[in-house]
C-alpha atoms as a PDB file:
ATOM      1  CA  MET A   1    -142.230  -1.941 -39.107  1.00  0.00           C
ATOM      2  CA  SER A   2    -145.522  -3.620 -39.851  1.00  0.00           C
ATOM      3  CA  GLN A   3    -147.973  -2.938 -42.620  1.00  0.00           C
ATOM      4  CA  ASP A   4    -150.432  -1.453 -40.115  1.00  0.00           C
ATOM      5  CA  ASP A   5    -147.810   1.112 -39.044  1.00  0.00           C
ATOM      6  CA  ASP A   6    -147.204   2.031 -42.694  1.00  0.00           C
ATOM      7  CA  ALA A   7    -150.919   2.433 -43.260  1.00  0.00           C
ATOM      8  CA  ALA A   8    -151.249   4.662 -40.215  1.00  0.00           C
ATOM      9  CA  ARG A   9    -148.476   7.006 -41.431  1.00  0.00           C
ATOM     10  CA  ARG A  10    -149.812   7.302 -44.993  1.00  0.00           C
ATOM     11  CA  HIS A  11    -152.291   9.848 -46.112  1.00  0.00           C
ATOM     12  CA  PRO A  12    -155.528   8.193 -47.292  1.00  0.00           C
ATOM     13  CA  THR A  13    -154.968   9.397 -50.856  1.00  0.00           C
ATOM     14  CA  GLU A  14    -151.386   8.012 -51.185  1.00  0.00           C
ATOM     15  CA  PRO A  15    -150.993   4.654 -52.955  1.00  0.00           C
ATOM     16  CA  PHE A  16    -149.433   1.769 -51.024  1.00  0.00           C
ATOM     17  CA  ASP A  17    -146.807   1.030 -53.671  1.00  0.00           C
ATOM     18  CA  LYS A  18    -145.196   4.437 -53.189  1.00  0.00           C
ATOM     19  CA  PRO A  19    -142.300   4.255 -50.630  1.00  0.00           C
ATOM     20  CA  LEU A  20    -142.519   6.304 -47.444  1.00  0.00           C
ATOM     21  CA  HIS A  21    -140.189   9.171 -46.690  1.00  0.00           C
ATOM     22  CA  GLY A  22    -136.724   7.779 -45.838  1.00  0.00           C
ATOM     23  CA  GLN A  23    -137.277   4.421 -47.545  1.00  0.00           C
ATOM     24  CA  GLU A  24    -135.745   3.317 -50.812  1.00  0.00           C
ATOM     25  CA  PRO A  25    -138.085   2.046 -53.493  1.00  0.00           C
ATOM     26  CA  GLN A  26    -138.002  -1.647 -54.394  1.00  0.00           C
ATOM     27  CA  PRO A  27    -136.252  -2.296 -57.713  1.00  0.00           C
ATOM     28  CA  TYR A  28    -138.635  -3.374 -60.408  1.00  0.00           C
ATOM     29  CA  GLY A  29    -139.191  -7.151 -60.510  1.00  0.00           C
ATOM     30  CA  GLN A  30    -138.010  -7.958 -56.965  1.00  0.00           C
ATOM     31  CA  GLN A  31    -140.357  -9.347 -54.350  1.00  0.00           C
ATOM     32  CA  PRO A  32    -140.601  -7.489 -51.049  1.00  0.00           C
ATOM     33  CA  GLN A  33    -139.006  -9.279 -48.053  1.00  0.00           C
ATOM     34  CA  PRO A  34    -141.404 -11.171 -45.784  1.00  0.00           C
ATOM     35  CA  TYR A  35    -141.955  -9.780 -42.323  1.00  0.00           C
ATOM     36  CA  GLY A  36    -139.059 -10.300 -39.897  1.00  0.00           C
ATOM     37  CA  GLN A  37    -136.469 -11.171 -42.564  1.00  0.00           C
ATOM     38  CA  THR A  38    -133.749  -8.925 -43.814  1.00  0.00           C
ATOM     39  CA  ALA A  39    -132.434  -8.826 -47.341  1.00  0.00           C
ATOM     40  CA  GLN A  40    -129.521 -11.206 -48.084  1.00  0.00           C
ATOM     41  CA  PRO A  41    -126.210  -9.707 -49.202  1.00  0.00           C
ATOM     42  CA  TYR A  42    -125.326 -10.132 -52.878  1.00  0.00           C
ATOM     43  CA  GLY A  43    -124.061 -13.592 -53.797  1.00  0.00           C
ATOM     44  CA  GLU A  44    -125.589 -15.322 -50.748  1.00  0.00           C
ATOM     45  CA  ALA A  45    -128.714 -17.425 -51.144  1.00  0.00           C
ATOM     46  CA  ALA A  46    -131.477 -17.255 -48.584  1.00  0.00           C
ATOM     47  CA  ALA A  47    -131.778 -20.231 -46.208  1.00  0.00           C
ATOM     48  CA  PRO A  48    -134.822 -22.483 -46.576  1.00  0.00           C
ATOM     49  CA  TYR A  49    -137.676 -21.925 -44.169  1.00  0.00           C
ATOM     50  CA  GLY A  50    -136.922 -23.254 -40.664  1.00  0.00           C
ATOM     51  CA  GLN A  51    -133.123 -23.295 -41.016  1.00  0.00           C
ATOM     52  CA  ALA A  52    -130.504 -20.768 -39.975  1.00  0.00           C
ATOM     53  CA  SER A  53    -128.568 -19.060 -42.692  1.00  0.00           C
ATOM     54  CA  PRO A  54    -124.909 -20.104 -43.098  1.00  0.00           C
ATOM     55  CA  SER A  55    -123.774 -16.558 -42.282  1.00  0.00           C
ATOM     56  CA  HIS A  56    -124.802 -16.988 -38.644  1.00  0.00           C
ATOM     57  CA  GLY A  57    -121.933 -19.443 -38.018  1.00  0.00           C
ATOM     58  CA  ALA A  58    -123.975 -22.500 -37.003  1.00  0.00           C
ATOM     59  CA  THR A  59    -125.822 -25.068 -38.995  1.00  0.00           C
ATOM     60  CA  ALA A  60    -129.313 -25.849 -37.784  1.00  0.00           C
ATOM     61  CA  GLN A  61    -130.880 -29.273 -37.618  1.00  0.00           C
ATOM     62  CA  PRO A  62    -132.989 -30.112 -40.685  1.00  0.00           C
ATOM     63  CA  TYR A  63    -136.700 -29.561 -40.325  1.00  0.00           C
ATOM     64  CA  GLY A  64    -138.298 -32.366 -38.309  1.00  0.00           C
ATOM     65  CA  GLN A  65    -135.084 -33.394 -36.481  1.00  0.00           C
ATOM     66  CA  ALA A  66    -135.242 -31.347 -33.309  1.00  0.00           C
ATOM     67  CA  THR A  67    -132.689 -31.609 -30.532  1.00  0.00           C
ATOM     68  CA  PRO A  68    -133.964 -34.015 -27.853  1.00  0.00           C
ATOM     69  CA  TYR A  69    -135.565 -32.339 -24.857  1.00  0.00           C
ATOM     70  CA  GLY A  70    -133.150 -31.349 -22.120  1.00  0.00           C
ATOM     71  CA  GLN A  71    -129.994 -31.696 -24.206  1.00  0.00           C
ATOM     72  CA  PRO A  72    -127.878 -28.831 -25.511  1.00  0.00           C
ATOM     73  CA  PRO A  73    -127.680 -28.413 -29.297  1.00  0.00           C
ATOM     74  CA  GLN A  74    -124.751 -30.199 -30.892  1.00  0.00           C
ATOM     75  CA  LEU A  75    -122.511 -28.355 -33.299  1.00  0.00           C
ATOM     76  CA  PRO A  76    -120.603 -30.177 -36.067  1.00  0.00           C
ATOM     77  CA  GLY A  77    -117.389 -31.752 -34.766  1.00  0.00           C
ATOM     78  CA  GLN A  78    -118.544 -31.904 -31.139  1.00  0.00           C
ATOM     79  CA  GLN A  79    -118.839 -35.123 -29.163  1.00  0.00           C
ATOM     80  CA  PRO A  80    -122.388 -35.960 -28.059  1.00  0.00           C
ATOM     81  CA  HIS A  81    -123.275 -35.083 -24.476  1.00  0.00           C
ATOM     82  CA  VAL A  82    -123.337 -38.204 -22.278  1.00  0.00           C
ATOM     83  CA  GLN A  83    -124.844 -38.416 -18.792  1.00  0.00           C
ATOM     84  CA  PRO A  84    -122.040 -39.672 -16.523  1.00  0.00           C
ATOM     85  CA  TYR A  85    -124.099 -41.479 -13.858  1.00  0.00           C
ATOM     86  CA  GLY A  86    -127.352 -42.502 -15.487  1.00  0.00           C
ATOM     87  CA  PRO A  87    -130.850 -41.305 -14.603  1.00  0.00           C
ATOM     88  CA  PRO A  88    -131.537 -39.933 -11.129  1.00  0.00           C
ATOM     89  CA  PRO A  89    -132.945 -42.480  -8.662  1.00  0.00           C
ATOM     90  CA  TYR A  90    -136.609 -42.517  -7.793  1.00  0.00           C
ATOM     91  CA  GLY A  91    -137.778 -41.212  -4.432  1.00  0.00           C
ATOM     92  CA  TYR A  92    -138.913 -43.389  -1.583  1.00  0.00           C
ATOM     93  CA  GLY A  93    -142.605 -42.643  -2.113  1.00  0.00           C
ATOM     94  CA  TYR A  94    -145.173 -42.583   0.629  1.00  0.00           C
ATOM     95  CA  PRO A  95    -144.713 -44.554   3.835  1.00  0.00           C
ATOM     96  CA  PRO A  96    -147.169 -47.412   4.373  1.00  0.00           C
ATOM     97  CA  PRO A  97    -150.218 -46.361   6.379  1.00  0.00           C
ATOM     98  CA  GLN A  98    -150.054 -47.019  10.118  1.00  0.00           C
ATOM     99  CA  ARG A  99    -152.109 -49.877  11.488  1.00  0.00           C
ATOM    100  CA  THR A 100    -155.003 -48.733  13.672  1.00  0.00           C
ATOM    101  CA  ASN A 101    -155.211 -50.369  17.097  1.00  0.00           C
ATOM    102  CA  GLY A 102    -158.254 -52.653  17.341  1.00  0.00           C
ATOM    103  CA  MET A 103    -158.745 -51.969  21.051  1.00  0.00           C
ATOM    104  CA  ALA A 104    -159.059 -48.250  20.266  1.00  0.00           C
ATOM    105  CA  ILE A 105    -161.794 -48.979  17.725  1.00  0.00           C
ATOM    106  CA  ALA A 106    -163.627 -51.224  20.210  1.00  0.00           C
ATOM    107  CA  SER A 107    -163.304 -48.592  22.947  1.00  0.00           C
ATOM    108  CA  MET A 108    -164.873 -45.888  20.786  1.00  0.00           C
ATOM    109  CA  VAL A 109    -167.693 -48.132  19.534  1.00  0.00           C
ATOM    110  CA  LEU A 110    -168.578 -49.319  23.049  1.00  0.00           C
ATOM    111  CA  GLY A 111    -168.421 -45.747  24.345  1.00  0.00           C
ATOM    112  CA  ILE A 112    -170.972 -44.714  21.704  1.00  0.00           C
ATOM    113  CA  LEU A 113    -173.328 -47.670  22.268  1.00  0.00           C
ATOM    114  CA  TRP A 114    -173.220 -47.811  26.113  1.00  0.00           C
ATOM    115  CA  ILE A 115    -175.193 -51.136  26.147  1.00  0.00           C
ATOM    116  CA  TYR A 116    -176.853 -50.615  29.549  1.00  0.00           C
ATOM    117  CA  TRP A 117    -173.673 -48.954  30.877  1.00  0.00           C
ATOM    118  CA  ILE A 118    -171.678 -52.182  30.538  1.00  0.00           C
ATOM    119  CA  GLY A 119    -170.387 -50.728  27.289  1.00  0.00           C
ATOM    120  CA  SER A 120    -169.172 -47.647  29.173  1.00  0.00           C
ATOM    121  CA  VAL A 121    -167.118 -49.754  31.597  1.00  0.00           C
ATOM    122  CA  LEU A 122    -165.683 -51.810  28.721  1.00  0.00           C
ATOM    123  CA  ALA A 123    -164.961 -48.606  26.781  1.00  0.00           C
ATOM    124  CA  LEU A 124    -162.839 -47.392  29.714  1.00  0.00           C
ATOM    125  CA  VAL A 125    -160.958 -50.713  29.988  1.00  0.00           C
ATOM    126  CA  PHE A 126    -160.348 -51.034  26.235  1.00  0.00           C
ATOM    127  CA  GLY A 127    -159.447 -47.341  25.947  1.00  0.00           C
ATOM    128  CA  TYR A 128    -156.722 -47.441  28.600  1.00  0.00           C
ATOM    129  CA  VAL A 129    -155.317 -50.724  27.239  1.00  0.00           C
ATOM    130  CA  ALA A 130    -155.318 -49.261  23.714  1.00  0.00           C
ATOM    131  CA  LYS A 131    -153.444 -46.115  24.895  1.00  0.00           C
ATOM    132  CA  ARG A 132    -150.696 -48.293  26.404  1.00  0.00           C
ATOM    133  CA  GLN A 133    -150.446 -50.495  23.273  1.00  0.00           C
ATOM    134  CA  ILE A 134    -150.333 -47.464  20.952  1.00  0.00           C
ATOM    135  CA  ARG A 135    -147.515 -45.935  23.017  1.00  0.00           C
ATOM    136  CA  GLU A 136    -145.524 -49.211  22.944  1.00  0.00           C
ATOM    137  CA  ARG A 137    -146.134 -50.262  19.318  1.00  0.00           C
ATOM    138  CA  GLY A 138    -146.396 -46.888  17.580  1.00  0.00           C
ATOM    139  CA  GLU A 139    -149.788 -47.733  16.083  1.00  0.00           C
ATOM    140  CA  ALA A 140    -152.479 -45.279  15.024  1.00  0.00           C
ATOM    141  CA  GLY A 141    -155.792 -44.813  16.836  1.00  0.00           C
ATOM    142  CA  GLY A 142    -154.857 -42.609  19.775  1.00  0.00           C
ATOM    143  CA  GLY A 143    -157.771 -40.284  19.066  1.00  0.00           C
ATOM    144  CA  MET A 144    -160.257 -43.142  18.980  1.00  0.00           C
ATOM    145  CA  ALA A 145    -158.919 -44.485  22.280  1.00  0.00           C
ATOM    146  CA  THR A 146    -159.263 -41.028  23.848  1.00  0.00           C
ATOM    147  CA  ALA A 147    -162.819 -40.723  22.483  1.00  0.00           C
ATOM    148  CA  GLY A 148    -163.684 -44.144  23.951  1.00  0.00           C
ATOM    149  CA  ILE A 149    -162.262 -43.132  27.357  1.00  0.00           C
ATOM    150  CA  VAL A 150    -164.181 -39.832  27.377  1.00  0.00           C
ATOM    151  CA  LEU A 151    -167.438 -41.490  26.290  1.00  0.00           C
ATOM    152  CA  GLY A 152    -166.897 -44.239  28.882  1.00  0.00           C
ATOM    153  CA  TRP A 153    -166.509 -41.659  31.672  1.00  0.00           C
ATOM    154  CA  VAL A 154    -169.576 -39.786  30.411  1.00  0.00           C
ATOM    155  CA  GLY A 155    -171.557 -43.041  30.548  1.00  0.00           C
ATOM    156  CA  ILE A 156    -170.286 -43.812  34.050  1.00  0.00           C
ATOM    157  CA  GLY A 157    -171.134 -40.249  35.117  1.00  0.00           C
ATOM    158  CA  ILE A 158    -174.694 -40.573  33.776  1.00  0.00           C
ATOM    159  CA  LEU A 159    -175.026 -43.931  35.544  1.00  0.00           C
ATOM    160  CA  ALA A 160    -173.828 -42.356  38.812  1.00  0.00           C
ATOM    161  CA  VAL A 161    -176.300 -39.451  38.486  1.00  0.00           C
ATOM    162  CA  ILE A 162    -179.195 -41.844  37.774  1.00  0.00           C
ATOM    163  CA  LEU A 163    -178.254 -44.096  40.712  1.00  0.00           C
ATOM    164  CA  LEU A 164    -177.869 -41.081  43.013  1.00  0.00           C
ATOM    165  CA  PHE A 165    -181.223 -39.692  41.857  1.00  0.00           C
ATOM    166  CA  GLY A 166    -182.857 -43.108  42.443  1.00  0.00           C
ATOM    167  CA  VAL A 167    -181.373 -43.424  45.934  1.00  0.00           C
ATOM    168  CA  VAL A 168    -182.462 -39.921  46.890  1.00  0.00           C
ATOM    169  CA  LEU A 169    -185.921 -40.492  45.468  1.00  0.00           C
ATOM    170  CA  SER A 170    -186.387 -43.831  47.271  1.00  0.00           C
ATOM    171  CA  SER A 171    -185.092 -42.516  50.588  1.00  0.00           C
ATOM    172  CA  THR A 172    -187.400 -39.500  50.589  1.00  0.00           C
ATOM    173  CA  SER A 173    -190.501 -41.427  49.598  1.00  0.00           C
ATOM    174  CA  GLY A 174    -189.892 -44.250  52.129  1.00  0.00           C
ATOM    175  CA  PHE A 175    -190.261 -42.012  55.204  1.00  0.00           C
ATOM    176  CA  SER A 176    -193.547 -40.336  54.312  1.00  0.00           C
END
């Protein structure tokens, strides 16, 4: 029971040194027990702060000598706990990053630049070669090769539309 609980049960005019109903008064000259500690039986001295009392059956480590982390407490007369196989092995870590295929990079760059539609044709060639190399070698860059192939076909398609438009335009204007 805490001091706040005692204060809540007392009438405002009652003094604090008067025991509550059902409690025995403290003998004159004895200090009240600190919170959370019970009175020691006669003839038994109280344990110093931070140590277990001898009546609990175990002796505690002196203050400042804690049991190492992860090890069970050692009682007197016991053998120390020994790890039988040593520390656990480390994991394998991350795998090394995959190498990106250079043809795939070239295919994507040429597909973006077009360079008077020569880049589109080279993007197609490099893209298909890169796809085959990636499949054989297990390299990275499949997405870039696909992007280069798509951009190469888009460039070829635009070239075909422009050439078709030019042919149609020249054939209709030549007969007028």
